[in-house]
PDB file of all heavy atoms in Angstrom:
ATOM      1  N   GLY A   1      -6.573  -6.678 -11.083  1.00  0.00           N
ATOM      2  CA  GLY A   1      -5.849  -7.551 -12.003  1.00  0.00           C
ATOM      3  C   GLY A   1      -4.364  -7.277 -12.074  1.00  0.00           C
ATOM      4  O   GLY A   1      -3.604  -8.049 -12.667  1.00  0.00           O
ATOM      5  N   ARG A   2      -3.929  -6.165 -11.474  1.00  0.00           N
ATOM      6  CA  ARG A   2      -2.504  -5.804 -11.519  1.00  0.00           C
ATOM      7  C   ARG A   2      -1.883  -5.755 -10.121  1.00  0.00           C
ATOM      8  O   ARG A   2      -0.693  -6.047  -9.965  1.00  0.00           O
ATOM      9  CB  ARG A   2      -2.329  -4.439 -12.188  1.00  0.00           C
ATOM     10  CG  ARG A   2      -2.852  -4.387 -13.613  1.00  0.00           C
ATOM     11  CD  ARG A   2      -2.493  -3.078 -14.291  1.00  0.00           C
ATOM     12  NE  ARG A   2      -3.112  -1.930 -13.629  1.00  0.00           N
ATOM     13  CZ  ARG A   2      -2.423  -0.934 -13.085  1.00  0.00           C
ATOM     14  NH1 ARG A   2      -1.095  -0.936 -13.100  1.00  0.00           N
ATOM     15  NH2 ARG A   2      -3.062   0.095 -12.508  1.00  0.00           N
ATOM     16  N   PHE A   3      -2.657  -5.360  -9.128  1.00  0.00           N
ATOM     17  CA  PHE A   3      -2.165  -5.225  -7.756  1.00  0.00           C
ATOM     18  C   PHE A   3      -2.706  -6.365  -6.902  1.00  0.00           C
ATOM     19  O   PHE A   3      -3.829  -6.836  -7.116  1.00  0.00           O
ATOM     20  CB  PHE A   3      -2.623  -3.901  -7.141  1.00  0.00           C
ATOM     21  CG  PHE A   3      -1.965  -2.668  -7.708  1.00  0.00           C
ATOM     22  CD1 PHE A   3      -1.190  -2.714  -8.857  1.00  0.00           C
ATOM     23  CD2 PHE A   3      -2.116  -1.450  -7.061  1.00  0.00           C
ATOM     24  CE1 PHE A   3      -0.600  -1.571  -9.368  1.00  0.00           C
ATOM     25  CE2 PHE A   3      -1.525  -0.294  -7.548  1.00  0.00           C
ATOM     26  CZ  PHE A   3      -0.774  -0.359  -8.710  1.00  0.00           C
ATOM     27  N   THR A   4      -1.907  -6.760  -5.906  1.00  0.00           N
ATOM     28  CA  THR A   4      -2.321  -7.790  -4.955  1.00  0.00           C
ATOM     29  C   THR A   4      -1.981  -7.324  -3.549  1.00  0.00           C
ATOM     30  O   THR A   4      -0.814  -7.064  -3.247  1.00  0.00           O
ATOM     31  CB  THR A   4      -1.633  -9.129  -5.239  1.00  0.00           C
ATOM     32  OG1 THR A   4      -1.913  -9.545  -6.574  1.00  0.00           O
ATOM     33  CG2 THR A   4      -2.129 -10.194  -4.265  1.00  0.00           C
ATOM     34  N   ILE A   5      -3.002  -7.236  -2.713  1.00  0.00           N
ATOM     35  CA  ILE A   5      -2.802  -6.856  -1.314  1.00  0.00           C
ATOM     36  C   ILE A   5      -2.759  -8.126  -0.465  1.00  0.00           C
ATOM     37  O   ILE A   5      -3.457  -9.104  -0.759  1.00  0.00           O
ATOM     38  CB  ILE A   5      -3.911  -5.898  -0.823  1.00  0.00           C
ATOM     39  CG1 ILE A   5      -3.584  -5.357   0.569  1.00  0.00           C
ATOM     40  CG2 ILE A   5      -5.272  -6.584  -0.851  1.00  0.00           C
ATOM     41  CD1 ILE A   5      -4.539  -4.251   1.036  1.00  0.00           C
ATOM     42  N   SER A   6      -1.925  -8.103   0.559  1.00  0.00           N
ATOM     43  CA  SER A   6      -1.868  -9.225   1.490  1.00  0.00           C
ATOM     44  C   SER A   6      -1.484  -8.681   2.862  1.00  0.00           C
ATOM     45  O   SER A   6      -1.013  -7.544   2.974  1.00  0.00           O
ATOM     46  CB  SER A   6      -0.877 -10.292   1.018  1.00  0.00           C
ATOM     47  OG  SER A   6       0.431  -9.760   0.899  1.00  0.00           O
ATOM     48  N   ARG A   7      -1.694  -9.503   3.862  1.00  0.00           N
ATOM     49  CA  ARG A   7      -1.336  -9.088   5.221  1.00  0.00           C
ATOM     50  C   ARG A   7      -0.782 -10.265   5.994  1.00  0.00           C
ATOM     51  O   ARG A   7      -1.172 -11.422   5.738  1.00  0.00           O
ATOM     52  CB  ARG A   7      -2.538  -8.471   5.956  1.00  0.00           C
ATOM     53  CG  ARG A   7      -3.686  -9.424   6.194  1.00  0.00           C
ATOM     54  CD  ARG A   7      -4.916  -8.679   6.713  1.00  0.00           C
ATOM     55  NE  ARG A   7      -4.731  -8.168   8.059  1.00  0.00           N
ATOM     56  CZ  ARG A   7      -5.513  -7.233   8.606  1.00  0.00           C
ATOM     57  NH1 ARG A   7      -6.508  -6.704   7.909  1.00  0.00           N
ATOM     58  NH2 ARG A   7      -5.310  -6.827   9.852  1.00  0.00           N
ATOM     59  N   HIS A   8       0.096  -9.956   6.921  1.00  0.00           N
ATOM     60  CA  HIS A   8       0.653 -10.975   7.805  1.00  0.00           C
ATOM     61  C   HIS A   8       0.416 -10.471   9.215  1.00  0.00           C
ATOM     62  O   HIS A   8       1.196  -9.670   9.741  1.00  0.00           O
ATOM     63  CB  HIS A   8       2.139 -11.174   7.509  1.00  0.00           C
ATOM     64  CG  HIS A   8       2.696 -12.425   8.084  1.00  0.00           C
ATOM     65  ND1 HIS A   8       2.571 -12.763   9.418  1.00  0.00           N
ATOM     66  CD2 HIS A   8       3.385 -13.432   7.518  1.00  0.00           C
ATOM     67  CE1 HIS A   8       3.154 -13.910   9.625  1.00  0.00           C
ATOM     68  NE2 HIS A   8       3.658 -14.347   8.494  1.00  0.00           N
ATOM     69  N   ASN A   9      -0.666 -10.910   9.819  1.00  0.00           N
ATOM     70  CA  ASN A   9      -1.066 -10.363  11.114  1.00  0.00           C
ATOM     71  C   ASN A   9      -0.003 -10.596  12.188  1.00  0.00           C
ATOM     72  O   ASN A   9       0.248  -9.725  13.018  1.00  0.00           O
ATOM     73  CB  ASN A   9      -2.398 -10.964  11.557  1.00  0.00           C
ATOM     74  CG  ASN A   9      -3.556 -10.466  10.713  1.00  0.00           C
ATOM     75  OD1 ASN A   9      -3.582  -9.326  10.254  1.00  0.00           O
ATOM     76  ND2 ASN A   9      -4.525 -11.336  10.473  1.00  0.00           N
ATOM     77  N   ALA A  10       0.609 -11.751  12.192  1.00  0.00           N
ATOM     78  CA  ALA A  10       1.596 -12.071  13.230  1.00  0.00           C
ATOM     79  C   ALA A  10       2.814 -11.156  13.140  1.00  0.00           C
ATOM     80  O   ALA A  10       3.468 -10.881  14.153  1.00  0.00           O
ATOM     81  CB  ALA A  10       2.019 -13.525  13.115  1.00  0.00           C
ATOM     82  N   GLU A  11       3.116 -10.691  11.919  1.00  0.00           N
ATOM     83  CA  GLU A  11       4.258  -9.798  11.725  1.00  0.00           C
ATOM     84  C   GLU A  11       3.837  -8.343  11.642  1.00  0.00           C
ATOM     85  O   GLU A  11       4.679  -7.464  11.437  1.00  0.00           O
ATOM     86  CB  GLU A  11       5.020 -10.198  10.464  1.00  0.00           C
ATOM     87  CG  GLU A  11       5.681 -11.559  10.559  1.00  0.00           C
ATOM     88  CD  GLU A  11       6.500 -11.898   9.325  1.00  0.00           C
ATOM     89  OE1 GLU A  11       6.448 -11.133   8.336  1.00  0.00           O
ATOM     90  OE2 GLU A  11       7.180 -12.939   9.344  1.00  0.00           O
ATOM     91  N   ASN A  12       2.525  -8.100  11.776  1.00  0.00           N
ATOM     92  CA  ASN A  12       1.997  -6.730  11.728  1.00  0.00           C
ATOM     93  C   ASN A  12       2.444  -5.991  10.475  1.00  0.00           C
ATOM     94  O   ASN A  12       2.888  -4.836  10.525  1.00  0.00           O
ATOM     95  CB  ASN A  12       2.389  -5.946  12.984  1.00  0.00           C
ATOM     96  CG  ASN A  12       1.750  -6.525  14.218  1.00  0.00           C
ATOM     97  OD1 ASN A  12       0.562  -6.841  14.218  1.00  0.00           O
ATOM     98  ND2 ASN A  12       2.548  -6.712  15.265  1.00  0.00           N
ATOM     99  N   THR A  13       2.315  -6.674   9.351  1.00  0.00           N
ATOM    100  CA  THR A  13       2.766  -6.117   8.085  1.00  0.00           C
ATOM    101  C   THR A  13       1.694  -6.309   7.012  1.00  0.00           C
ATOM    102  O   THR A  13       1.024  -7.339   6.978  1.00  0.00           O
ATOM    103  CB  THR A  13       4.073  -6.780   7.635  1.00  0.00           C
ATOM    104  OG1 THR A  13       5.044  -6.672   8.682  1.00  0.00           O
ATOM    105  CG2 THR A  13       4.623  -6.112   6.389  1.00  0.00           C
ATOM    106  N   VAL A  14       1.580  -5.312   6.172  1.00  0.00           N
ATOM    107  CA  VAL A  14       0.678  -5.365   5.022  1.00  0.00           C
ATOM    108  C   VAL A  14       1.525  -5.123   3.780  1.00  0.00           C
ATOM    109  O   VAL A  14       2.440  -4.293   3.795  1.00  0.00           O
ATOM    110  CB  VAL A  14      -0.431  -4.301   5.125  1.00  0.00           C
ATOM    111  CG1 VAL A  14      -1.427  -4.459   3.976  1.00  0.00           C
ATOM    112  CG2 VAL A  14      -1.151  -4.398   6.462  1.00  0.00           C
ATOM    113  N   TYR A  15       1.200  -5.846   2.708  1.00  0.00           N
ATOM    114  CA  TYR A  15       1.975  -5.749   1.482  1.00  0.00           C
ATOM    115  C   TYR A  15       1.081  -5.322   0.320  1.00  0.00           C
ATOM    116  O   TYR A  15      -0.133  -5.547   0.327  1.00  0.00           O
ATOM    117  CB  TYR A  15       2.623  -7.091   1.144  1.00  0.00           C
ATOM    118  CG  TYR A  15       3.537  -7.616   2.212  1.00  0.00           C
ATOM    119  CD1 TYR A  15       3.092  -8.568   3.130  1.00  0.00           C
ATOM    120  CD2 TYR A  15       4.856  -7.175   2.304  1.00  0.00           C
ATOM    121  CE1 TYR A  15       3.937  -9.059   4.107  1.00  0.00           C
ATOM    122  CE2 TYR A  15       5.706  -7.659   3.282  1.00  0.00           C
ATOM    123  CZ  TYR A  15       5.239  -8.596   4.184  1.00  0.00           C
ATOM    124  OH  TYR A  15       6.076  -9.084   5.157  1.00  0.00           O
ATOM    125  N   LEU A  16       1.722  -4.746  -0.682  1.00  0.00           N
ATOM    126  CA  LEU A  16       1.031  -4.463  -1.928  1.00  0.00           C
ATOM    127  C   LEU A  16       1.979  -4.821  -3.070  1.00  0.00           C
ATOM    128  O   LEU A  16       2.982  -4.134  -3.287  1.00  0.00           O
ATOM    129  CB  LEU A  16       0.608  -2.998  -2.040  1.00  0.00           C
ATOM    130  CG  LEU A  16      -0.261  -2.666  -3.253  1.00  0.00           C
ATOM    131  CD1 LEU A  16      -1.638  -3.334  -3.124  1.00  0.00           C
ATOM    132  CD2 LEU A  16      -0.430  -1.155  -3.410  1.00  0.00           C
ATOM    133  N   GLN A  17       1.668  -5.904  -3.760  1.00  0.00           N
ATOM    134  CA  GLN A  17       2.430  -6.298  -4.938  1.00  0.00           C
ATOM    135  C   GLN A  17       1.822  -5.588  -6.141  1.00  0.00           C
ATOM    136  O   GLN A  17       0.631  -5.748  -6.413  1.00  0.00           O
ATOM    137  CB  GLN A  17       2.379  -7.809  -5.134  1.00  0.00           C
ATOM    138  CG  GLN A  17       3.086  -8.306  -6.383  1.00  0.00           C
ATOM    139  CD  GLN A  17       4.585  -8.110  -6.326  1.00  0.00           C
ATOM    140  OE1 GLN A  17       5.222  -8.372  -5.304  1.00  0.00           O
ATOM    141  NE2 GLN A  17       5.172  -7.639  -7.426  1.00  0.00           N
ATOM    142  N   MET A  18       2.644  -4.842  -6.833  1.00  0.00           N
ATOM    143  CA  MET A  18       2.155  -4.053  -7.968  1.00  0.00           C
ATOM    144  C   MET A  18       2.855  -4.518  -9.236  1.00  0.00           C
ATOM    145  O   MET A  18       4.081  -4.424  -9.346  1.00  0.00           O
ATOM    146  CB  MET A  18       2.422  -2.567  -7.734  1.00  0.00           C
ATOM    147  CG  MET A  18       1.851  -2.042  -6.422  1.00  0.00           C
ATOM    148  SD  MET A  18       1.970  -0.256  -6.265  1.00  0.00           S
ATOM    149  CE  MET A  18       3.743  -0.056  -6.282  1.00  0.00           C
ATOM    150  N   ASN A  19       2.090  -5.034 -10.163  1.00  0.00           N
ATOM    151  CA  ASN A  19       2.622  -5.510 -11.444  1.00  0.00           C
ATOM    152  C   ASN A  19       2.037  -4.680 -12.585  1.00  0.00           C
ATOM    153  O   ASN A  19       1.043  -3.976 -12.407  1.00  0.00           O
ATOM    154  CB  ASN A  19       2.280  -6.982 -11.643  1.00  0.00           C
ATOM    155  CG  ASN A  19       2.864  -7.883 -10.587  1.00  0.00           C
ATOM    156  OD1 ASN A  19       3.955  -7.617 -10.054  1.00  0.00           O
ATOM    157  ND2 ASN A  19       2.174  -8.960 -10.266  1.00  0.00           N
ATOM    158  N   SER A  20       2.662  -4.807 -13.727  1.00  0.00           N
ATOM    159  CA  SER A  20       2.198  -4.096 -14.932  1.00  0.00           C
ATOM    160  C   SER A  20       1.934  -2.622 -14.630  1.00  0.00           C
ATOM    161  O   SER A  20       0.884  -2.076 -14.976  1.00  0.00           O
ATOM    162  CB  SER A  20       0.925  -4.763 -15.470  1.00  0.00           C
ATOM    163  OG  SER A  20       1.154  -6.117 -15.781  1.00  0.00           O
ATOM    164  N   LEU A  21       2.889  -2.010 -13.997  1.00  0.00           N
ATOM    165  CA  LEU A  21       2.706  -0.618 -13.564  1.00  0.00           C
ATOM    166  C   LEU A  21       2.562   0.328 -14.746  1.00  0.00           C
ATOM    167  O   LEU A  21       3.174   0.120 -15.810  1.00  0.00           O
ATOM    168  CB  LEU A  21       3.878  -0.191 -12.677  1.00  0.00           C
ATOM    169  CG  LEU A  21       3.794  -0.732 -11.246  1.00  0.00           C
ATOM    170  CD1 LEU A  21       5.148  -0.679 -10.555  1.00  0.00           C
ATOM    171  CD2 LEU A  21       2.757   0.038 -10.449  1.00  0.00           C
ATOM    172  N   LYS A  22       1.756   1.350 -14.537  1.00  0.00           N
ATOM    173  CA  LYS A  22       1.472   2.362 -15.548  1.00  0.00           C
ATOM    174  C   LYS A  22       1.884   3.738 -15.016  1.00  0.00           C
ATOM    175  O   LYS A  22       1.913   3.940 -13.790  1.00  0.00           O
ATOM    176  CB  LYS A  22      -0.021   2.383 -15.863  1.00  0.00           C
ATOM    177  CG  LYS A  22      -0.595   1.050 -16.313  1.00  0.00           C
ATOM    178  CD  LYS A  22      -2.102   1.151 -16.505  1.00  0.00           C
ATOM    179  CE  LYS A  22      -2.694  -0.172 -16.945  1.00  0.00           C
ATOM    180  NZ  LYS A  22      -4.176  -0.085 -17.122  1.00  0.00           N
ATOM    181  N   PRO A  23       2.143   4.673 -15.886  1.00  0.00           N
ATOM    182  CA  PRO A  23       2.500   6.021 -15.410  1.00  0.00           C
ATOM    183  C   PRO A  23       1.443   6.612 -14.487  1.00  0.00           C
ATOM    184  O   PRO A  23       1.789   7.346 -13.546  1.00  0.00           O
ATOM    185  CB  PRO A  23       2.623   6.818 -16.715  1.00  0.00           C
ATOM    186  CG  PRO A  23       3.061   5.805 -17.721  1.00  0.00           C
ATOM    187  CD  PRO A  23       2.325   4.552 -17.351  1.00  0.00           C
ATOM    188  N   GLU A  24       0.192   6.275 -14.717  1.00  0.00           N
ATOM    189  CA  GLU A  24      -0.873   6.811 -13.858  1.00  0.00           C
ATOM    190  C   GLU A  24      -0.888   6.201 -12.461  1.00  0.00           C
ATOM    191  O   GLU A  24      -1.654   6.633 -11.603  1.00  0.00           O
ATOM    192  CB  GLU A  24      -2.252   6.646 -14.517  1.00  0.00           C
ATOM    193  CG  GLU A  24      -2.541   5.250 -15.019  1.00  0.00           C
ATOM    194  CD  GLU A  24      -2.246   5.087 -16.496  1.00  0.00           C
ATOM    195  OE1 GLU A  24      -1.174   5.562 -16.952  1.00  0.00           O
ATOM    196  OE2 GLU A  24      -3.074   4.464 -17.204  1.00  0.00           O
ATOM    197  N   ASP A  25      -0.040   5.207 -12.210  1.00  0.00           N
ATOM    198  CA  ASP A  25       0.115   4.659 -10.857  1.00  0.00           C
ATOM    199  C   ASP A  25       1.065   5.504 -10.019  1.00  0.00           C
ATOM    200  O   ASP A  25       1.217   5.250  -8.817  1.00  0.00           O
ATOM    201  CB  ASP A  25       0.638   3.229 -10.915  1.00  0.00           C
ATOM    202  CG  ASP A  25      -0.336   2.263 -11.553  1.00  0.00           C
ATOM    203  OD1 ASP A  25      -1.550   2.370 -11.282  1.00  0.00           O
ATOM    204  OD2 ASP A  25       0.108   1.383 -12.330  1.00  0.00           O
ATOM    205  N   THR A  26       1.683   6.481 -10.626  1.00  0.00           N
ATOM    206  CA  THR A  26       2.623   7.335  -9.904  1.00  0.00           C
ATOM    207  C   THR A  26       1.935   8.068  -8.767  1.00  0.00           C
ATOM    208  O   THR A  26       0.826   8.578  -8.918  1.00  0.00           O
ATOM    209  CB  THR A  26       3.255   8.357 -10.876  1.00  0.00           C
ATOM    210  OG1 THR A  26       4.083   7.651 -11.814  1.00  0.00           O
ATOM    211  CG2 THR A  26       4.099   9.384 -10.132  1.00  0.00           C
ATOM    212  N   GLY A  27       2.625   8.118  -7.621  1.00  0.00           N
ATOM    213  CA  GLY A  27       2.079   8.805  -6.474  1.00  0.00           C
ATOM    214  C   GLY A  27       2.767   8.353  -5.194  1.00  0.00           C
ATOM    215  O   GLY A  27       3.665   7.518  -5.221  1.00  0.00           O
ATOM    216  N   VAL A  28       2.315   8.916  -4.091  1.00  0.00           N
ATOM    217  CA  VAL A  28       2.792   8.485  -2.777  1.00  0.00           C
ATOM    218  C   VAL A  28       1.786   7.479  -2.237  1.00  0.00           C
ATOM    219  O   VAL A  28       0.581   7.749  -2.223  1.00  0.00           O
ATOM    220  CB  VAL A  28       2.945   9.673  -1.807  1.00  0.00           C
ATOM    221  CG1 VAL A  28       3.462   9.177  -0.468  1.00  0.00           C
ATOM    222  CG2 VAL A  28       3.889  10.710  -2.392  1.00  0.00           C
ATOM    223  N   TYR A  29       2.286   6.334  -1.829  1.00  0.00           N
ATOM    224  CA  TYR A  29       1.444   5.238  -1.348  1.00  0.00           C
ATOM    225  C   TYR A  29       1.513   5.160   0.171  1.00  0.00           C
ATOM    226  O   TYR A  29       2.595   5.223   0.765  1.00  0.00           O
ATOM    227  CB  TYR A  29       1.875   3.925  -1.984  1.00  0.00           C
ATOM    228  CG  TYR A  29       1.419   3.786  -3.419  1.00  0.00           C
ATOM    229  CD1 TYR A  29       1.992   4.557  -4.422  1.00  0.00           C
ATOM    230  CD2 TYR A  29       0.406   2.898  -3.759  1.00  0.00           C
ATOM    231  CE1 TYR A  29       1.556   4.450  -5.739  1.00  0.00           C
ATOM    232  CE2 TYR A  29      -0.027   2.780  -5.068  1.00  0.00           C
ATOM    233  CZ  TYR A  29       0.543   3.565  -6.052  1.00  0.00           C
ATOM    234  OH  TYR A  29       0.108   3.457  -7.344  1.00  0.00           O
ATOM    235  N   TYR A  30       0.341   5.030   0.771  1.00  0.00           N
ATOM    236  CA  TYR A  30       0.207   4.946   2.219  1.00  0.00           C
ATOM    237  C   TYR A  30      -0.623   3.716   2.579  1.00  0.00           C
ATOM    238  O   TYR A  30      -1.489   3.296   1.811  1.00  0.00           O
ATOM    239  CB  TYR A  30      -0.543   6.156   2.769  1.00  0.00           C
ATOM    240  CG  TYR A  30       0.026   7.509   2.421  1.00  0.00           C
ATOM    241  CD1 TYR A  30      -0.299   8.133   1.227  1.00  0.00           C
ATOM    242  CD2 TYR A  30       0.862   8.177   3.314  1.00  0.00           C
ATOM    243  CE1 TYR A  30       0.203   9.387   0.914  1.00  0.00           C
ATOM    244  CE2 TYR A  30       1.367   9.435   3.016  1.00  0.00           C
ATOM    245  CZ  TYR A  30       1.034  10.024   1.815  1.00  0.00           C
ATOM    246  OH  TYR A  30       1.529  11.278   1.515  1.00  0.00           O
ATOM    247  N   CYS A  31      -0.387   3.194   3.763  1.00  0.00           N
ATOM    248  CA  CYS A  31      -1.287   2.177   4.288  1.00  0.00           C
ATOM    249  C   CYS A  31      -1.942   2.741   5.549  1.00  0.00           C
ATOM    250  O   CYS A  31      -1.389   3.628   6.208  1.00  0.00           O
ATOM    251  CB  CYS A  31      -0.568   0.874   4.594  1.00  0.00           C
ATOM    252  SG  CYS A  31       0.510   0.959   6.031  1.00  0.00           S
ATOM    253  N   ASN A  32      -3.112   2.247   5.862  1.00  0.00           N
ATOM    254  CA  ASN A  32      -3.792   2.672   7.080  1.00  0.00           C
ATOM    255  C   ASN A  32      -5.014   1.796   7.290  1.00  0.00           C
ATOM    256  O   ASN A  32      -5.449   1.061   6.392  1.00  0.00           O
ATOM    257  CB  ASN A  32      -4.230   4.136   7.003  1.00  0.00           C
ATOM    258  CG  ASN A  32      -4.248   4.803   8.373  1.00  0.00           C
ATOM    259  OD1 ASN A  32      -4.431   4.139   9.393  1.00  0.00           O
ATOM    260  ND2 ASN A  32      -4.030   6.099   8.392  1.00  0.00           N
ATOM    261  N   GLY A  33      -5.546   1.866   8.486  1.00  0.00           N
ATOM    262  CA  GLY A  33      -6.807   1.212   8.754  1.00  0.00           C
ATOM    263  C   GLY A  33      -7.906   1.928   7.992  1.00  0.00           C
ATOM    264  O   GLY A  33      -7.900   3.154   7.885  1.00  0.00           O
ATOM    265  N   VAL A  34      -8.849   1.167   7.481  1.00  0.00           N
ATOM    266  CA  VAL A  34      -9.922   1.767   6.682  1.00  0.00           C
ATOM    267  C   VAL A  34     -11.046   2.259   7.588  1.00  0.00           C
ATOM    268  O   VAL A  34     -11.567   3.355   7.397  1.00  0.00           O
ATOM    269  CB  VAL A  34     -10.457   0.749   5.666  1.00  0.00           C
ATOM    270  CG1 VAL A  34     -11.645   1.323   4.899  1.00  0.00           C
ATOM    271  CG2 VAL A  34      -9.347   0.346   4.700  1.00  0.00           C
ATOM    272  N   ILE A  35     -11.406   1.472   8.577  1.00  0.00           N
ATOM    273  CA  ILE A  35     -12.508   1.837   9.476  1.00  0.00           C
ATOM    274  C   ILE A  35     -11.972   2.521  10.737  1.00  0.00           C
ATOM    275  O   ILE A  35     -12.592   3.427  11.270  1.00  0.00           O
ATOM    276  CB  ILE A  35     -13.318   0.583   9.843  1.00  0.00           C
ATOM    277  CG1 ILE A  35     -13.901  -0.034   8.570  1.00  0.00           C
ATOM    278  CG2 ILE A  35     -14.428   0.919  10.835  1.00  0.00           C
ATOM    279  CD1 ILE A  35     -14.540  -1.388   8.781  1.00  0.00           C
ATOM    280  N   LYS A  36     -10.787   2.075  11.167  1.00  0.00           N
ATOM    281  CA  LYS A  36     -10.160   2.647  12.368  1.00  0.00           C
ATOM    282  C   LYS A  36      -8.770   3.160  11.988  1.00  0.00           C
ATOM    283  O   LYS A  36      -7.754   2.539  12.320  1.00  0.00           O
ATOM    284  CB  LYS A  36     -10.073   1.576  13.454  1.00  0.00           C
ATOM    285  CG  LYS A  36     -11.440   1.142  13.976  1.00  0.00           C
ATOM    286  CD  LYS A  36     -11.297   0.153  15.130  1.00  0.00           C
ATOM    287  CE  LYS A  36     -10.981  -1.233  14.660  1.00  0.00           C
ATOM    288  NZ  LYS A  36     -10.955  -2.228  15.760  1.00  0.00           N
ATOM    289  N   PRO A  37      -8.725   4.296  11.298  1.00  0.00           N
ATOM    290  CA  PRO A  37      -7.419   4.790  10.860  1.00  0.00           C
ATOM    291  C   PRO A  37      -6.554   5.260  12.018  1.00  0.00           C
ATOM    292  O   PRO A  37      -7.060   5.692  13.055  1.00  0.00           O
ATOM    293  CB  PRO A  37      -7.774   5.946   9.930  1.00  0.00           C
ATOM    294  CG  PRO A  37      -9.112   6.407  10.400  1.00  0.00           C
ATOM    295  CD  PRO A  37      -9.815   5.165  10.869  1.00  0.00           C
ATOM    296  N   ARG A  38      -5.260   5.159  11.788  1.00  0.00           N
ATOM    297  CA  ARG A  38      -4.258   5.647  12.726  1.00  0.00           C
ATOM    298  C   ARG A  38      -3.590   6.854  12.098  1.00  0.00           C
ATOM    299  O   ARG A  38      -3.855   7.192  10.935  1.00  0.00           O
ATOM    300  CB  ARG A  38      -3.246   4.530  13.016  1.00  0.00           C
ATOM    301  CG  ARG A  38      -3.853   3.296  13.697  1.00  0.00           C
ATOM    302  CD  ARG A  38      -4.460   3.628  15.040  1.00  0.00           C
ATOM    303  NE  ARG A  38      -4.839   2.439  15.785  1.00  0.00           N
ATOM    304  CZ  ARG A  38      -6.075   1.939  15.801  1.00  0.00           C
ATOM    305  NH1 ARG A  38      -7.040   2.519  15.103  1.00  0.00           N
ATOM    306  NH2 ARG A  38      -6.337   0.867  16.534  1.00  0.00           N
ATOM    307  N   PRO A  39      -2.682   7.517  12.826  1.00  0.00           N
ATOM    308  CA  PRO A  39      -1.947   8.632  12.199  1.00  0.00           C
ATOM    309  C   PRO A  39      -1.235   8.157  10.937  1.00  0.00           C
ATOM    310  O   PRO A  39      -0.655   7.064  10.915  1.00  0.00           O
ATOM    311  CB  PRO A  39      -0.955   9.036  13.283  1.00  0.00           C
ATOM    312  CG  PRO A  39      -1.620   8.652  14.562  1.00  0.00           C
ATOM    313  CD  PRO A  39      -2.341   7.376  14.259  1.00  0.00           C
ATOM    314  N   TRP A  40      -1.281   8.970   9.909  1.00  0.00           N
ATOM    315  CA  TRP A  40      -0.680   8.595   8.637  1.00  0.00           C
ATOM    316  C   TRP A  40       0.846   8.534   8.740  1.00  0.00           C
ATOM    317  O   TRP A  40       1.470   9.349   9.418  1.00  0.00           O
ATOM    318  CB  TRP A  40      -1.079   9.590   7.551  1.00  0.00           C
ATOM    319  CG  TRP A  40      -2.531   9.546   7.229  1.00  0.00           C
ATOM    320  CD1 TRP A  40      -3.521  10.314   7.764  1.00  0.00           C
ATOM    321  CD2 TRP A  40      -3.171   8.639   6.315  1.00  0.00           C
ATOM    322  NE1 TRP A  40      -4.737   9.956   7.234  1.00  0.00           N
ATOM    323  CE2 TRP A  40      -4.559   8.932   6.344  1.00  0.00           C
ATOM    324  CE3 TRP A  40      -2.726   7.628   5.471  1.00  0.00           C
ATOM    325  CZ2 TRP A  40      -5.487   8.234   5.560  1.00  0.00           C
ATOM    326  CZ3 TRP A  40      -3.644   6.944   4.693  1.00  0.00           C
ATOM    327  CH2 TRP A  40      -5.007   7.243   4.741  1.00  0.00           C
ATOM    328  N   GLY A  41       1.415   7.571   8.043  1.00  0.00           N
ATOM    329  CA  GLY A  41       2.861   7.499   7.942  1.00  0.00           C
ATOM    330  C   GLY A  41       3.367   8.471   6.889  1.00  0.00           C
ATOM    331  O   GLY A  41       2.602   9.280   6.354  1.00  0.00           O
ATOM    332  N   GLN A  42       4.636   8.349   6.567  1.00  0.00           N
ATOM    333  CA  GLN A  42       5.231   9.269   5.597  1.00  0.00           C
ATOM    334  C   GLN A  42       4.979   8.840   4.159  1.00  0.00           C
ATOM    335  O   GLN A  42       5.184   9.605   3.224  1.00  0.00           O
ATOM    336  CB  GLN A  42       6.746   9.388   5.827  1.00  0.00           C
ATOM    337  CG  GLN A  42       7.591   8.303   5.193  1.00  0.00           C
ATOM    338  CD  GLN A  42       7.470   6.957   5.889  1.00  0.00           C
ATOM    339  OE1 GLN A  42       6.892   6.860   6.971  1.00  0.00           O
ATOM    340  NE2 GLN A  42       8.032   5.920   5.282  1.00  0.00           N
ATOM    341  N   GLY A  43       4.530   7.616   4.004  1.00  0.00           N
ATOM    342  CA  GLY A  43       4.267   7.108   2.664  1.00  0.00           C
ATOM    343  C   GLY A  43       5.538   6.710   1.944  1.00  0.00           C
ATOM    344  O   GLY A  43       6.656   6.954   2.418  1.00  0.00           O
ATOM    345  N   THR A  44       5.366   6.097   0.793  1.00  0.00           N
ATOM    346  CA  THR A  44       6.501   5.722  -0.037  1.00  0.00           C
ATOM    347  C   THR A  44       6.209   6.138  -1.477  1.00  0.00           C
ATOM    348  O   THR A  44       5.116   5.886  -1.985  1.00  0.00           O
ATOM    349  CB  THR A  44       6.813   4.218   0.078  1.00  0.00           C
ATOM    350  OG1 THR A  44       8.026   3.917  -0.630  1.00  0.00           O
ATOM    351  CG2 THR A  44       5.689   3.335  -0.407  1.00  0.00           C
ATOM    352  N   GLN A  45       7.173   6.796  -2.103  1.00  0.00           N
ATOM    353  CA  GLN A  45       6.968   7.349  -3.436  1.00  0.00           C
ATOM    354  C   GLN A  45       7.134   6.277  -4.498  1.00  0.00           C
ATOM    355  O   GLN A  45       8.139   5.548  -4.509  1.00  0.00           O
ATOM    356  CB  GLN A  45       7.975   8.472  -3.697  1.00  0.00           C
ATOM    357  CG  GLN A  45       7.926   9.048  -5.109  1.00  0.00           C
ATOM    358  CD  GLN A  45       6.678   9.870  -5.361  1.00  0.00           C
ATOM    359  OE1 GLN A  45       6.310  10.716  -4.544  1.00  0.00           O
ATOM    360  NE2 GLN A  45       6.034   9.635  -6.500  1.00  0.00           N
ATOM    361  N   VAL A  46       6.165   6.212  -5.385  1.00  0.00           N
ATOM    362  CA  VAL A  46       6.232   5.332  -6.548  1.00  0.00           C
ATOM    363  C   VAL A  46       6.178   6.217  -7.786  1.00  0.00           C
ATOM    364  O   VAL A  46       5.254   7.024  -7.939  1.00  0.00           O
ATOM    365  CB  VAL A  46       5.064   4.324  -6.558  1.00  0.00           C
ATOM    366  CG1 VAL A  46       5.037   3.552  -7.887  1.00  0.00           C
ATOM    367  CG2 VAL A  46       5.173   3.371  -5.383  1.00  0.00           C
ATOM    368  N   THR A  47       7.165   6.068  -8.635  1.00  0.00           N
ATOM    369  CA  THR A  47       7.212   6.827  -9.875  1.00  0.00           C
ATOM    370  C   THR A  47       7.358   5.858 -11.039  1.00  0.00           C
ATOM    371  O   THR A  47       8.300   5.057 -11.065  1.00  0.00           O
ATOM    372  CB  THR A  47       8.381   7.820  -9.889  1.00  0.00           C
ATOM    373  OG1 THR A  47       8.281   8.687  -8.753  1.00  0.00           O
ATOM    374  CG2 THR A  47       8.358   8.655 -11.162  1.00  0.00           C
TER     375      THR A  47
END
């Protein structure tokens, strides 16, 4: 109800729209394949 995931296959990009953020959402966010994971990226910090 607060986050929305989307993907654009042609642009090889995945998005995460995060609304109504809470302090407990703080952390480092990563994307990856769920069934066929690749090496992890560096992530992006959300505070």
